Amino acid sequence: MAKLTRRNVLRTGVALAIPPGMVTLITGCNQSDTDASQQTESNADELNPDARESIPPTAGEPMKVHYLEIVTPEVDALCGQYSKLHGITFSEPVANLGGARTATLNGGGLIGIRGPMRETETPVVRPYVLVDDIKASVESAAEAGAEIALPPLEIPEHGTCAIVIHGGIECGLWQV
């Protein structure tokens, strides 16, 4: 019988050690309130000495995805796949959400799958995180170097959303 050594395990592509940064992810990003606020202040100072003034009041609180938007030319197929994989049921298209078919996420948010709204719109997965003050959040993103792709826009019966792009990554903001 072959001897079990780290080298033999690594040859099969399995690592025995967890990289230090992964411990936070695995434990669910749990920090005490004091540690989280100290970490936020420390990060703000490292990134930009003037950043403390531009951090929205909700900084340091856990982010909550309010709406997860998926844009694809294959709406029905993807809704079918997610329904089978996760046991969820999608709505009929919701006009106020660009014709997205929606389902409820764990924790109360929504997932919406819709087709492109114009020829140049490419497939994307875009999380919209809840913010207390969408105008301040958009301003903060712009000060950090983000492009404002969609300034705050009120969506009847749903709240106000905005889209910012930083480093090619699209992120939505949502205020209810």
Protein backbone atom coordinates (compact mmCIF):
# COMPACT_ATOMS: atom_id res chain seq x y z
CA MET A 1 0.00 0.00 0.00
CA ALA A 2 1.31 3.46 -0.95
CA LYS A 3 2.34 5.74 1.88
CA LEU A 4 0.13 8.83 2.24
CA THR A 5 2.38 11.85 2.07
CA ARG A 6 1.75 15.50 1.30
CA ARG A 7 3.63 15.09 -1.99
CA ASN A 8 1.41 12.18 -3.04
CA VAL A 9 -1.71 14.13 -2.15
CA LEU A 10 -0.51 17.24 -4.01
CA ARG A 11 0.25 15.14 -7.09
CA THR A 12 -3.46 14.36 -7.27
CA GLY A 13 -4.30 18.05 -7.18
CA VAL A 14 -5.60 18.21 -3.62
CA ALA A 15 -4.08 20.69 -1.18
CA LEU A 16 -3.92 19.85 2.51
CA ALA A 17 -3.51 23.42 3.71
CA ILE A 18 -6.06 26.21 3.53
CA PRO A 19 -4.57 29.53 2.42
CA PRO A 20 -4.91 32.07 5.27
CA GLY A 21 -7.24 34.36 3.31
CA MET A 22 -9.70 31.52 2.74
CA VAL A 23 -10.34 31.06 6.46
CA THR A 24 -12.42 34.25 6.48
CA LEU A 25 -14.48 33.06 3.51
CA ILE A 26 -15.01 29.61 4.96
CA THR A 27 -16.14 30.96 8.33
CA GLY A 28 -18.64 33.27 6.65
CA CYS A 29 -16.76 36.52 7.18
CA ASN A 30 -17.66 36.53 10.86
CA GLN A 31 -15.93 39.27 12.80
CA SER A 32 -16.94 41.03 15.95
CA ASP A 33 -18.52 44.45 15.45
CA THR A 34 -15.40 46.10 16.87
CA ASP A 35 -13.09 44.20 14.51
CA ALA A 36 -15.29 45.00 11.50
CA SER A 37 -15.40 48.73 12.23
CA GLN A 38 -11.65 48.84 12.87
CA GLN A 39 -11.04 46.95 9.60
CA THR A 40 -13.26 49.38 7.65
CA GLU A 41 -11.46 52.40 9.10
CA SER A 42 -8.08 50.82 8.40
CA ASN A 43 -9.01 50.02 4.78
CA ALA A 44 -10.27 53.55 4.20
CA ASP A 45 -7.01 55.03 5.47
CA GLU A 46 -4.95 52.67 3.28
CA LEU A 47 -6.89 53.41 0.10
CA ASN A 48 -7.22 57.14 0.43
CA PRO A 49 -6.62 59.40 3.41
CA ASP A 50 -9.69 61.46 2.43
CA ALA A 51 -11.86 58.36 1.91
CA ARG A 52 -13.28 58.43 5.43
CA GLU A 53 -15.58 61.31 4.45
CA SER A 54 -16.80 59.52 1.30
CA ILE A 55 -17.75 56.21 2.96
CA PRO A 56 -21.54 55.92 3.19
CA PRO A 57 -23.03 55.60 6.69
CA THR A 58 -23.72 51.88 6.17
CA ALA A 59 -20.03 51.04 5.65
CA GLY A 60 -18.92 48.17 7.84
CA GLU A 61 -22.33 46.50 7.84
CA PRO A 62 -22.74 43.23 5.92
CA MET A 63 -23.75 43.72 2.30
CA LYS A 64 -27.13 42.34 1.28
CA VAL A 65 -27.87 41.46 -2.31
CA HIS A 66 -31.34 42.82 -2.94
CA TYR A 67 -31.54 41.88 -6.61
CA LEU A 68 -29.36 39.57 -8.66
CA GLU A 69 -29.83 40.39 -12.33
CA ILE A 70 -28.78 38.00 -15.06
CA VAL A 71 -28.92 39.18 -18.66
CA THR A 72 -28.86 36.40 -21.25
CA PRO A 73 -30.33 35.74 -24.69
CA GLU A 74 -31.46 32.33 -23.34
CA VAL A 75 -33.91 33.40 -20.62
CA ASP A 76 -36.22 30.36 -20.71
CA ALA A 77 -33.34 27.87 -20.75
CA LEU A 78 -31.58 29.52 -17.81
CA CYS A 79 -34.81 29.83 -15.81
CA GLY A 80 -35.39 26.12 -16.45
CA GLN A 81 -31.85 25.25 -15.33
CA TYR A 82 -32.12 27.30 -12.11
CA SER A 83 -35.58 25.88 -11.42
CA LYS A 84 -34.28 22.30 -11.66
CA LEU A 85 -31.06 22.96 -9.74
CA HIS A 86 -32.56 25.02 -6.92
CA GLY A 87 -36.24 24.05 -6.85
CA ILE A 88 -37.46 27.59 -7.47
CA THR A 89 -40.28 28.93 -9.60
CA PHE A 90 -39.86 32.00 -11.79
CA SER A 91 -42.59 34.56 -12.41
CA GLU A 92 -43.88 35.72 -15.73
CA PRO A 93 -41.91 38.70 -17.13
CA VAL A 94 -42.07 41.79 -14.89
CA ALA A 95 -42.32 44.93 -17.03
CA ASN A 96 -40.83 47.27 -14.37
CA LEU A 97 -37.70 45.07 -14.24
CA GLY A 98 -37.00 45.05 -17.97
CA GLY A 99 -39.09 41.97 -18.60
CA ALA A 100 -37.12 39.87 -16.10
CA ARG A 101 -38.59 36.66 -14.81
CA THR A 102 -38.03 36.70 -11.05
CA ALA A 103 -37.78 34.29 -8.12
CA THR A 104 -37.20 34.90 -4.42
CA LEU A 105 -33.70 34.49 -3.01
CA ASN A 106 -32.97 33.12 0.43
CA GLY A 107 -33.01 36.14 2.73
CA GLY A 108 -35.73 38.01 0.84
CA GLY A 109 -33.97 39.35 -2.26
CA LEU A 110 -34.84 38.53 -5.85
CA ILE A 111 -33.08 36.94 -8.78
CA GLY A 112 -34.19 38.26 -12.16
CA ILE A 113 -33.32 36.72 -15.51
CA ARG A 114 -34.01 38.83 -18.58
CA GLY A 115 -33.02 39.19 -22.18
CA PRO A 116 -30.88 42.04 -23.51
CA MET A 117 -32.79 45.33 -23.79
CA ARG A 118 -30.71 46.56 -26.74
CA GLU A 119 -28.47 44.97 -29.39
CA THR A 120 -25.27 46.12 -27.69
CA GLU A 121 -26.15 44.71 -24.25
CA THR A 122 -23.98 41.69 -23.52
CA PRO A 123 -24.66 38.85 -21.07
CA VAL A 124 -23.86 39.83 -17.49
CA VAL A 125 -24.49 38.80 -13.90
CA ARG A 126 -25.01 41.98 -11.90
CA PRO A 127 -25.64 42.05 -8.13
CA TYR A 128 -27.54 45.02 -6.73
CA VAL A 129 -26.66 45.64 -3.10
CA LEU A 130 -28.89 47.49 -0.68
CA VAL A 131 -27.78 50.98 0.35
CA ASP A 132 -29.38 53.51 2.68
CA ASP A 133 -28.58 56.55 0.53
CA ILE A 134 -28.23 55.78 -3.17
CA LYS A 135 -27.11 59.30 -4.15
CA ALA A 136 -24.29 59.28 -1.58
CA SER A 137 -23.33 55.74 -2.61
CA VAL A 138 -23.13 56.68 -6.31
CA GLU A 139 -21.05 59.76 -5.44
CA SER A 140 -18.73 57.62 -3.31
CA ALA A 141 -18.31 55.12 -6.16
CA ALA A 142 -17.52 57.95 -8.60
CA GLU A 143 -14.95 59.42 -6.19
CA ALA A 144 -13.34 55.96 -6.02
CA GLY A 145 -13.00 55.93 -9.82
CA ALA A 146 -16.14 54.10 -10.92
CA GLU A 147 -17.98 54.98 -14.11
CA ILE A 148 -21.65 55.75 -13.52
CA ALA A 149 -23.41 53.62 -16.12
CA LEU A 150 -26.91 54.35 -14.78
CA PRO A 151 -27.50 57.23 -12.37
CA PRO A 152 -30.18 56.71 -9.71
CA LEU A 153 -33.41 55.70 -11.41
CA GLU A 154 -36.70 55.18 -9.60
CA ILE A 155 -38.47 51.95 -10.54
CA PRO A 156 -42.15 52.09 -9.58
CA GLU A 157 -43.06 49.61 -6.83
CA HIS A 158 -39.41 48.52 -6.40
CA GLY A 159 -37.30 51.48 -5.20
CA THR A 160 -34.36 53.27 -6.79
CA CYS A 161 -31.41 51.62 -8.52
CA ALA A 162 -28.13 52.68 -10.09
CA ILE A 163 -25.29 50.89 -11.89
CA VAL A 164 -21.59 51.62 -11.47
CA ILE A 165 -18.68 50.02 -13.32
CA HIS A 166 -15.25 49.77 -11.75
CA GLY A 167 -12.42 47.82 -13.38
CA GLY A 168 -14.87 46.34 -15.87
CA ILE A 169 -17.08 44.91 -13.11
CA GLU A 170 -20.70 46.04 -13.09
CA CYS A 171 -22.36 46.51 -9.72
CA GLY A 172 -25.84 47.71 -8.97
CA LEU A 173 -26.95 49.74 -5.99
CA TRP A 174 -30.52 49.62 -4.71
CA GLN A 175 -32.42 51.74 -2.21
CA VAL A 176 -35.87 50.66 -1.05
